[in-house]
Amino acid sequence: MSRFYQLEVDFENISLEEVKKIVCERFGWREADATFNYLLCEGSLYGGQTEEDAHEEIYTALKNAKPDCRAKTIWTYLEDLPHNEFGDLQ
């Protein structure tokens, strides 16, 4: 079973191109938006992989590519977001 996420990767001391190569090409996330210091993607986690497991894989790959970089990941689970409903239709 897969779980659909929005993934934001914030980073310093590594280029956007290097981050895209790792996150999108290596790990298969689809780019949604990007600037010089963040990458926003969508994709799924499979086989019981946790957000923390996926973070560790991405973080380790970024550090291996550029040891002095800094990075964090922000995970938003998109399949069951809270929502509000208004109106008179049941």
N, C-alpha and C. Protein backbone atom coordinates (compact mmCIF):
# COMPACT_ATOMS: atom_id res chain seq x y z
N MET A 1 0.84 -1.18 0.00
CA MET A 1 0.00 0.00 0.00
C MET A 1 0.89 1.24 0.00
N SER A 2 0.52 2.21 -0.80
CA SER A 2 1.30 3.45 -0.85
C SER A 2 0.54 4.57 -0.14
N ARG A 3 1.31 5.58 0.26
CA ARG A 3 0.74 6.76 0.90
C ARG A 3 1.27 7.98 0.14
N PHE A 4 0.37 8.87 -0.27
CA PHE A 4 0.71 10.01 -1.12
C PHE A 4 1.08 11.22 -0.26
N TYR A 5 2.22 11.84 -0.58
CA TYR A 5 2.75 12.95 0.22
C TYR A 5 3.16 14.14 -0.64
N GLN A 6 3.16 15.29 0.01
CA GLN A 6 3.89 16.45 -0.48
C GLN A 6 5.17 16.50 0.35
N LEU A 7 6.29 16.64 -0.34
CA LEU A 7 7.59 16.68 0.32
C LEU A 7 8.24 18.02 0.03
N GLU A 8 8.60 18.74 1.08
CA GLU A 8 9.37 19.97 0.94
C GLU A 8 10.78 19.69 1.47
N VAL A 9 11.78 20.02 0.66
CA VAL A 9 13.17 19.89 1.07
C VAL A 9 13.75 21.29 1.12
N ASP A 10 14.11 21.74 2.31
CA ASP A 10 14.78 23.03 2.50
C ASP A 10 16.27 22.75 2.62
N PHE A 11 17.11 23.57 2.01
CA PHE A 11 18.53 23.26 1.99
C PHE A 11 19.41 24.50 1.91
N GLU A 12 20.66 24.34 2.33
CA GLU A 12 21.71 25.37 2.25
C GLU A 12 23.00 24.70 1.84
N ASN A 13 23.87 25.44 1.18
CA ASN A 13 25.21 24.99 0.80
C ASN A 13 25.21 23.79 -0.15
N ILE A 14 24.16 23.67 -0.96
CA ILE A 14 24.09 22.69 -2.03
C ILE A 14 23.18 23.29 -3.10
N SER A 15 23.48 23.03 -4.35
CA SER A 15 22.70 23.67 -5.42
C SER A 15 21.35 22.99 -5.62
N LEU A 16 20.41 23.75 -6.15
CA LEU A 16 19.10 23.22 -6.47
C LEU A 16 19.24 22.05 -7.45
N GLU A 17 20.13 22.16 -8.41
CA GLU A 17 20.31 21.10 -9.39
C GLU A 17 20.76 19.79 -8.72
N GLU A 18 21.66 19.89 -7.75
CA GLU A 18 22.11 18.69 -7.04
C GLU A 18 20.97 18.08 -6.23
N VAL A 19 20.17 18.93 -5.59
CA VAL A 19 19.04 18.44 -4.80
C VAL A 19 18.02 17.76 -5.71
N LYS A 20 17.71 18.37 -6.85
CA LYS A 20 16.76 17.76 -7.79
C LYS A 20 17.26 16.41 -8.28
N LYS A 21 18.55 16.33 -8.57
CA LYS A 21 19.11 15.07 -9.06
C LYS A 21 18.91 13.96 -8.03
N ILE A 22 19.12 14.28 -6.77
CA ILE A 22 18.96 13.28 -5.72
C ILE A 22 17.50 12.97 -5.46
N VAL A 23 16.70 13.99 -5.20
CA VAL A 23 15.31 13.78 -4.77
C VAL A 23 14.43 13.28 -5.92
N CYS A 24 14.54 13.92 -7.08
CA CYS A 24 13.66 13.57 -8.20
C CYS A 24 14.18 12.39 -9.02
N GLU A 25 15.43 12.46 -9.42
CA GLU A 25 15.96 11.41 -10.28
C GLU A 25 16.26 10.12 -9.52
N ARG A 26 16.92 10.26 -8.39
CA ARG A 26 17.31 9.06 -7.64
C ARG A 26 16.16 8.43 -6.87
N PHE A 27 15.35 9.28 -6.20
CA PHE A 27 14.29 8.74 -5.36
C PHE A 27 12.90 8.82 -5.99
N GLY A 28 12.76 9.42 -7.16
CA GLY A 28 11.52 9.36 -7.92
C GLY A 28 10.41 10.32 -7.52
N TRP A 29 10.73 11.38 -6.78
CA TRP A 29 9.71 12.37 -6.43
C TRP A 29 9.48 13.29 -7.62
N ARG A 30 8.24 13.75 -7.80
CA ARG A 30 7.89 14.65 -8.91
C ARG A 30 7.93 16.10 -8.44
N GLU A 31 8.72 16.90 -9.12
CA GLU A 31 8.87 18.31 -8.76
C GLU A 31 7.57 19.06 -8.98
N ALA A 32 7.18 19.88 -8.00
CA ALA A 32 6.00 20.73 -8.11
C ALA A 32 6.39 22.21 -8.14
N ASP A 33 7.45 22.57 -7.41
CA ASP A 33 7.89 23.96 -7.33
C ASP A 33 9.31 23.95 -6.77
N ALA A 34 10.05 25.04 -7.06
CA ALA A 34 11.41 25.11 -6.54
C ALA A 34 11.90 26.55 -6.59
N THR A 35 12.79 26.86 -5.66
CA THR A 35 13.55 28.11 -5.68
C THR A 35 14.99 27.75 -5.32
N PHE A 36 15.80 28.76 -5.10
CA PHE A 36 17.21 28.52 -4.82
C PHE A 36 17.46 27.76 -3.52
N ASN A 37 16.48 27.72 -2.59
CA ASN A 37 16.74 27.06 -1.31
C ASN A 37 15.65 26.08 -0.85
N TYR A 38 14.71 25.75 -1.72
CA TYR A 38 13.77 24.69 -1.38
C TYR A 38 13.26 24.01 -2.64
N LEU A 39 12.84 22.76 -2.47
CA LEU A 39 12.26 21.96 -3.53
C LEU A 39 10.98 21.37 -3.00
N LEU A 40 9.90 21.54 -3.74
CA LEU A 40 8.60 21.01 -3.36
C LEU A 40 8.24 19.90 -4.35
N CYS A 41 7.88 18.73 -3.82
CA CYS A 41 7.62 17.56 -4.66
C CYS A 41 6.37 16.84 -4.19
N GLU A 42 5.89 15.93 -5.04
CA GLU A 42 4.81 15.02 -4.67
C GLU A 42 5.25 13.61 -5.00
N GLY A 43 4.79 12.67 -4.19
CA GLY A 43 5.12 11.28 -4.44
C GLY A 43 4.58 10.39 -3.35
N SER A 44 4.96 9.14 -3.41
CA SER A 44 4.42 8.16 -2.47
C SER A 44 5.52 7.43 -1.74
N LEU A 45 5.18 6.98 -0.54
CA LEU A 45 6.01 6.06 0.22
C LEU A 45 5.35 4.69 0.12
N TYR A 46 6.16 3.64 -0.02
CA TYR A 46 5.66 2.30 -0.24
C TYR A 46 6.19 1.32 0.80
N GLY A 47 5.51 0.20 0.91
CA GLY A 47 6.02 -0.92 1.67
C GLY A 47 6.29 -0.65 3.13
N GLY A 48 5.51 0.20 3.74
CA GLY A 48 5.70 0.48 5.16
C GLY A 48 6.81 1.46 5.48
N GLN A 49 7.41 2.06 4.44
CA GLN A 49 8.46 3.06 4.69
C GLN A 49 7.85 4.25 5.41
N THR A 50 8.53 4.71 6.46
CA THR A 50 8.04 5.85 7.22
C THR A 50 8.63 7.15 6.66
N GLU A 51 8.05 8.25 7.07
CA GLU A 51 8.60 9.55 6.70
C GLU A 51 10.03 9.69 7.20
N GLU A 52 10.28 9.22 8.42
CA GLU A 52 11.62 9.31 8.99
C GLU A 52 12.62 8.46 8.20
N ASP A 53 12.21 7.26 7.78
CA ASP A 53 13.09 6.42 6.96
C ASP A 53 13.43 7.12 5.64
N ALA A 54 12.41 7.67 4.99
CA ALA A 54 12.62 8.36 3.71
C ALA A 54 13.49 9.60 3.90
N HIS A 55 13.26 10.32 5.01
CA HIS A 55 14.10 11.48 5.31
C HIS A 55 15.56 11.05 5.43
N GLU A 56 15.82 9.99 6.16
CA GLU A 56 17.20 9.53 6.37
C GLU A 56 17.87 9.17 5.04
N GLU A 57 17.13 8.53 4.13
CA GLU A 57 17.69 8.19 2.82
C GLU A 57 18.06 9.44 2.04
N ILE A 58 17.14 10.40 1.99
CA ILE A 58 17.37 11.64 1.24
C ILE A 58 18.48 12.45 1.90
N TYR A 59 18.41 12.61 3.21
CA TYR A 59 19.41 13.39 3.95
C TYR A 59 20.80 12.80 3.77
N THR A 60 20.92 11.49 3.88
CA THR A 60 22.21 10.83 3.72
C THR A 60 22.75 11.03 2.31
N ALA A 61 21.89 10.93 1.31
CA ALA A 61 22.32 11.14 -0.08
C ALA A 61 22.78 12.58 -0.29
N LEU A 62 22.09 13.55 0.28
CA LEU A 62 22.49 14.95 0.17
C LEU A 62 23.84 15.17 0.84
N LYS A 63 24.02 14.62 2.05
CA LYS A 63 25.29 14.78 2.78
C LYS A 63 26.44 14.08 2.06
N ASN A 64 26.17 12.94 1.43
CA ASN A 64 27.21 12.26 0.66
C ASN A 64 27.62 13.09 -0.55
N ALA A 65 26.64 13.77 -1.17
CA ALA A 65 26.94 14.60 -2.34
C ALA A 65 27.69 15.87 -1.94
N LYS A 66 27.32 16.43 -0.80
CA LYS A 66 27.93 17.69 -0.35
C LYS A 66 27.95 17.68 1.18
N PRO A 67 29.04 17.22 1.78
CA PRO A 67 29.10 17.02 3.23
C PRO A 67 28.80 18.26 4.08
N ASP A 68 29.08 19.46 3.57
CA ASP A 68 28.82 20.65 4.38
C ASP A 68 27.43 21.24 4.17
N CYS A 69 26.57 20.56 3.41
CA CYS A 69 25.21 21.09 3.21
C CYS A 69 24.39 20.87 4.47
N ARG A 70 23.30 21.64 4.56
CA ARG A 70 22.32 21.49 5.63
C ARG A 70 20.97 21.30 4.96
N ALA A 71 20.14 20.43 5.53
CA ALA A 71 18.86 20.15 4.89
C ALA A 71 17.84 19.68 5.92
N LYS A 72 16.58 19.92 5.61
CA LYS A 72 15.50 19.33 6.39
C LYS A 72 14.38 18.99 5.41
N THR A 73 13.57 18.02 5.81
CA THR A 73 12.42 17.64 5.00
C THR A 73 11.14 17.88 5.79
N ILE A 74 10.10 18.27 5.08
CA ILE A 74 8.78 18.50 5.69
C ILE A 74 7.79 17.65 4.91
N TRP A 75 7.10 16.78 5.61
CA TRP A 75 6.21 15.80 4.99
C TRP A 75 4.75 16.16 5.28
N THR A 76 3.93 16.23 4.23
CA THR A 76 2.49 16.47 4.39
C THR A 76 1.75 15.31 3.75
N TYR A 77 1.03 14.56 4.56
CA TYR A 77 0.24 13.42 4.09
C TYR A 77 -0.99 13.97 3.39
N LEU A 78 -1.15 13.68 2.10
CA LEU A 78 -2.20 14.31 1.30
C LEU A 78 -3.48 13.50 1.18
N GLU A 79 -3.51 12.30 1.71
CA GLU A 79 -4.68 11.45 1.50
C GLU A 79 -5.79 11.66 2.51
N ASP A 80 -5.52 12.28 3.63
CA ASP A 80 -6.55 12.43 4.65
C ASP A 80 -6.40 13.77 5.36
N LEU A 81 -6.37 14.85 4.57
CA LEU A 81 -6.21 16.18 5.14
C LEU A 81 -7.49 16.61 5.86
N PRO A 82 -7.34 17.34 6.96
CA PRO A 82 -8.53 17.90 7.60
C PRO A 82 -9.20 18.89 6.65
N HIS A 83 -10.51 18.97 6.74
CA HIS A 83 -11.24 19.90 5.88
C HIS A 83 -12.51 20.38 6.58
N ASN A 84 -13.07 21.46 6.06
CA ASN A 84 -14.33 22.01 6.56
C ASN A 84 -15.33 21.99 5.41
N GLU A 85 -16.58 21.76 5.76
CA GLU A 85 -17.64 21.78 4.75
C GLU A 85 -18.67 22.83 5.17
N PHE A 86 -19.19 23.55 4.19
CA PHE A 86 -20.20 24.59 4.43
C PHE A 86 -21.30 24.44 3.39
N GLY A 87 -22.49 24.87 3.73
CA GLY A 87 -23.60 24.85 2.79
C GLY A 87 -24.75 24.01 3.28
N ASP A 88 -25.80 23.91 2.45
CA ASP A 88 -27.00 23.20 2.86
C ASP A 88 -27.19 21.88 2.14
N LEU A 89 -26.21 21.43 1.38
CA LEU A 89 -26.29 20.15 0.69
C LEU A 89 -25.72 19.06 1.58
N GLN A 90 -26.47 17.98 1.76
CA GLN A 90 -26.03 16.88 2.62
C GLN A 90 -25.00 16.03 1.95
